[in-house]
Amino acid sequence: MQKFLIWSIVIAAVGCSSPAPNIQPETASTAQTELAAEVINKDLHIVGHPFAIKSEHHKNGFYVAAKVAGPGIEDGVVCLWLMSGAKDHPGLIINANGAAKNFSPGLPWGPKTKAEASITDREARLLVRWVEVNVN
């Protein structure tokens, strides 16, 4: 029993998963930026540039995050969407965090779709945090 416990601890310490790839946010394409601007409430605007990151879980999709501001949210809040298709030719778009759900209400709610787009995806969390820190 004690040997089993020791080996279990060793295996857990070494880890069974591979190291995270180096994923880096990049400026969203013009088409992604225009699509994000189209879907937010008309009284809001995008602050700075949106950023994108290739989804690790969706074969043909990018998470796109933009800080949006307007009446009542002068400091801005980060909206996150999953956009299907190539970076320069996005197709479908779904909300992937609560801010996007609130400020682009005509779109499907990602966690409830077949795509299961969500802020819980590692690259989505990284992208939102990066935009929070780097876009003013």
Protein backbone atom coordinates (compact mmCIF):
# COMPACT_ATOMS: atom_id res chain seq x y z
CA MET A 1 0.00 0.00 0.00
CA GLN A 2 2.78 2.43 0.92
CA LYS A 3 4.68 1.70 -2.36
CA PHE A 4 1.49 2.40 -4.34
CA LEU A 5 1.02 5.72 -2.54
CA ILE A 6 4.64 6.74 -3.16
CA TRP A 7 4.44 5.90 -6.88
CA SER A 8 1.15 7.79 -7.14
CA ILE A 9 2.80 10.86 -5.65
CA VAL A 10 5.83 10.53 -7.96
CA ILE A 11 3.63 10.21 -11.07
CA ALA A 12 1.54 13.21 -9.99
CA ALA A 13 4.65 15.29 -9.32
CA VAL A 14 6.23 14.45 -12.68
CA GLY A 15 2.96 15.07 -14.44
CA CYS A 16 1.21 13.21 -17.18
CA SER A 17 0.43 16.14 -19.43
CA SER A 18 2.74 17.76 -21.90
CA PRO A 19 4.02 21.29 -21.28
CA ALA A 20 1.85 24.11 -22.57
CA PRO A 21 2.77 25.33 -26.03
CA ASN A 22 3.87 28.93 -26.34
CA ILE A 23 0.62 30.62 -27.30
CA GLN A 24 0.74 34.33 -27.94
CA PRO A 25 -2.10 36.77 -28.63
CA GLU A 26 -1.85 38.63 -31.91
CA THR A 27 -3.71 41.61 -33.32
CA ALA A 28 -7.10 40.56 -34.67
CA SER A 29 -7.56 40.81 -38.42
CA THR A 30 -9.53 43.66 -39.97
CA ALA A 31 -12.37 41.23 -40.69
CA GLN A 32 -12.44 39.98 -37.08
CA THR A 33 -12.36 43.57 -35.80
CA GLU A 34 -15.24 44.59 -38.07
CA LEU A 35 -17.28 41.57 -37.03
CA ALA A 36 -16.75 42.34 -33.32
CA ALA A 37 -17.77 45.98 -33.90
CA GLU A 38 -20.93 44.81 -35.71
CA VAL A 39 -22.20 42.58 -32.90
CA ILE A 40 -21.77 44.84 -29.85
CA ASN A 41 -24.56 47.12 -28.69
CA LYS A 42 -24.69 50.28 -30.80
CA ASP A 43 -23.99 52.59 -27.84
CA LEU A 44 -20.62 50.87 -27.23
CA HIS A 45 -17.29 51.18 -28.99
CA ILE A 46 -14.11 49.11 -29.13
CA VAL A 47 -11.14 50.55 -27.23
CA GLY A 48 -7.84 50.16 -29.06
CA HIS A 49 -7.45 46.99 -31.10
CA PRO A 50 -9.03 43.58 -30.51
CA PHE A 51 -6.68 40.61 -30.22
CA ALA A 52 -7.00 37.01 -31.35
CA ILE A 53 -5.58 33.64 -30.42
CA LYS A 54 -5.98 30.32 -32.22
CA SER A 55 -8.26 27.99 -30.32
CA GLU A 56 -6.63 24.79 -29.09
CA HIS A 57 -10.00 23.03 -28.88
CA HIS A 58 -11.74 24.21 -32.03
CA LYS A 59 -10.12 23.01 -35.23
CA ASN A 60 -11.09 26.03 -37.27
CA GLY A 61 -11.58 28.90 -34.86
CA PHE A 62 -10.07 31.88 -33.09
CA TYR A 63 -10.92 33.44 -29.79
CA VAL A 64 -11.18 37.20 -30.26
CA ALA A 65 -11.21 39.62 -27.32
CA ALA A 66 -11.90 43.34 -27.37
CA LYS A 67 -12.20 45.92 -24.64
CA VAL A 68 -15.49 47.74 -25.09
CA ALA A 69 -16.63 50.93 -23.43
CA GLY A 70 -19.61 53.22 -23.43
CA PRO A 71 -22.19 54.77 -21.10
CA GLY A 72 -21.90 53.14 -17.69
CA ILE A 73 -18.70 51.25 -18.53
CA GLU A 74 -16.26 54.11 -19.13
CA ASP A 75 -13.26 52.03 -17.99
CA GLY A 76 -14.18 49.27 -20.40
CA VAL A 77 -14.80 45.56 -20.08
CA VAL A 78 -13.34 42.70 -22.12
CA CYS A 79 -15.72 40.80 -24.39
CA LEU A 80 -14.68 37.40 -25.70
CA TRP A 81 -16.04 35.63 -28.76
CA LEU A 82 -15.21 32.48 -30.68
CA MET A 83 -15.11 33.12 -34.43
CA SER A 84 -15.05 30.21 -36.84
CA GLY A 85 -13.06 30.23 -40.04
CA ALA A 86 -9.73 31.64 -41.08
CA LYS A 87 -8.40 34.73 -39.34
CA ASP A 88 -8.97 36.92 -42.42
CA HIS A 89 -12.35 35.33 -43.22
CA PRO A 90 -14.31 34.75 -40.00
CA GLY A 91 -17.63 33.00 -40.28
CA LEU A 92 -19.87 32.24 -37.33
CA ILE A 93 -19.45 34.10 -34.06
CA ILE A 94 -20.61 33.10 -30.59
CA ASN A 95 -20.30 34.71 -27.15
CA ALA A 96 -17.69 33.09 -24.93
CA ASN A 97 -17.79 35.17 -21.73
CA GLY A 98 -20.38 37.00 -19.66
CA ALA A 99 -19.44 40.45 -20.94
CA ALA A 100 -19.91 39.38 -24.56
CA LYS A 101 -23.23 37.76 -23.62
CA ASN A 102 -24.37 41.04 -22.04
CA PHE A 103 -23.14 43.39 -24.74
CA SER A 104 -23.77 41.33 -27.90
CA PRO A 105 -27.06 39.69 -26.87
CA GLY A 106 -28.15 38.57 -30.34
CA LEU A 107 -25.49 35.86 -30.46
CA PRO A 108 -25.60 32.29 -29.20
CA TRP A 109 -24.18 31.66 -25.71
CA GLY A 110 -21.00 29.63 -26.28
CA PRO A 111 -21.16 27.18 -23.35
CA LYS A 112 -24.66 26.12 -24.48
CA THR A 113 -23.64 25.49 -28.11
CA LYS A 114 -22.17 22.39 -29.71
CA ALA A 115 -18.84 24.25 -29.89
CA GLU A 116 -18.84 24.74 -26.10
CA ALA A 117 -16.82 27.95 -26.42
CA SER A 118 -15.94 29.14 -22.97
CA ILE A 119 -13.71 31.33 -20.86
CA THR A 120 -12.62 28.09 -19.19
CA ASP A 121 -10.43 27.26 -22.20
CA ARG A 122 -6.83 28.03 -21.27
CA GLU A 123 -6.12 30.15 -24.33
CA ALA A 124 -9.35 32.10 -23.82
CA ARG A 125 -8.38 32.97 -20.23
CA LEU A 126 -4.90 33.98 -21.39
CA LEU A 127 -6.32 36.23 -24.11
CA VAL A 128 -8.81 37.99 -21.83
CA ARG A 129 -6.14 38.60 -19.20
CA TRP A 130 -3.72 39.89 -21.85
CA VAL A 131 -6.31 42.38 -23.17
CA GLU A 132 -7.20 43.50 -19.60
CA VAL A 133 -3.55 44.31 -18.92
CA ASN A 134 -2.41 45.67 -22.30
CA VAL A 135 -5.33 47.59 -23.83
CA ASN A 136 -6.12 51.03 -22.41
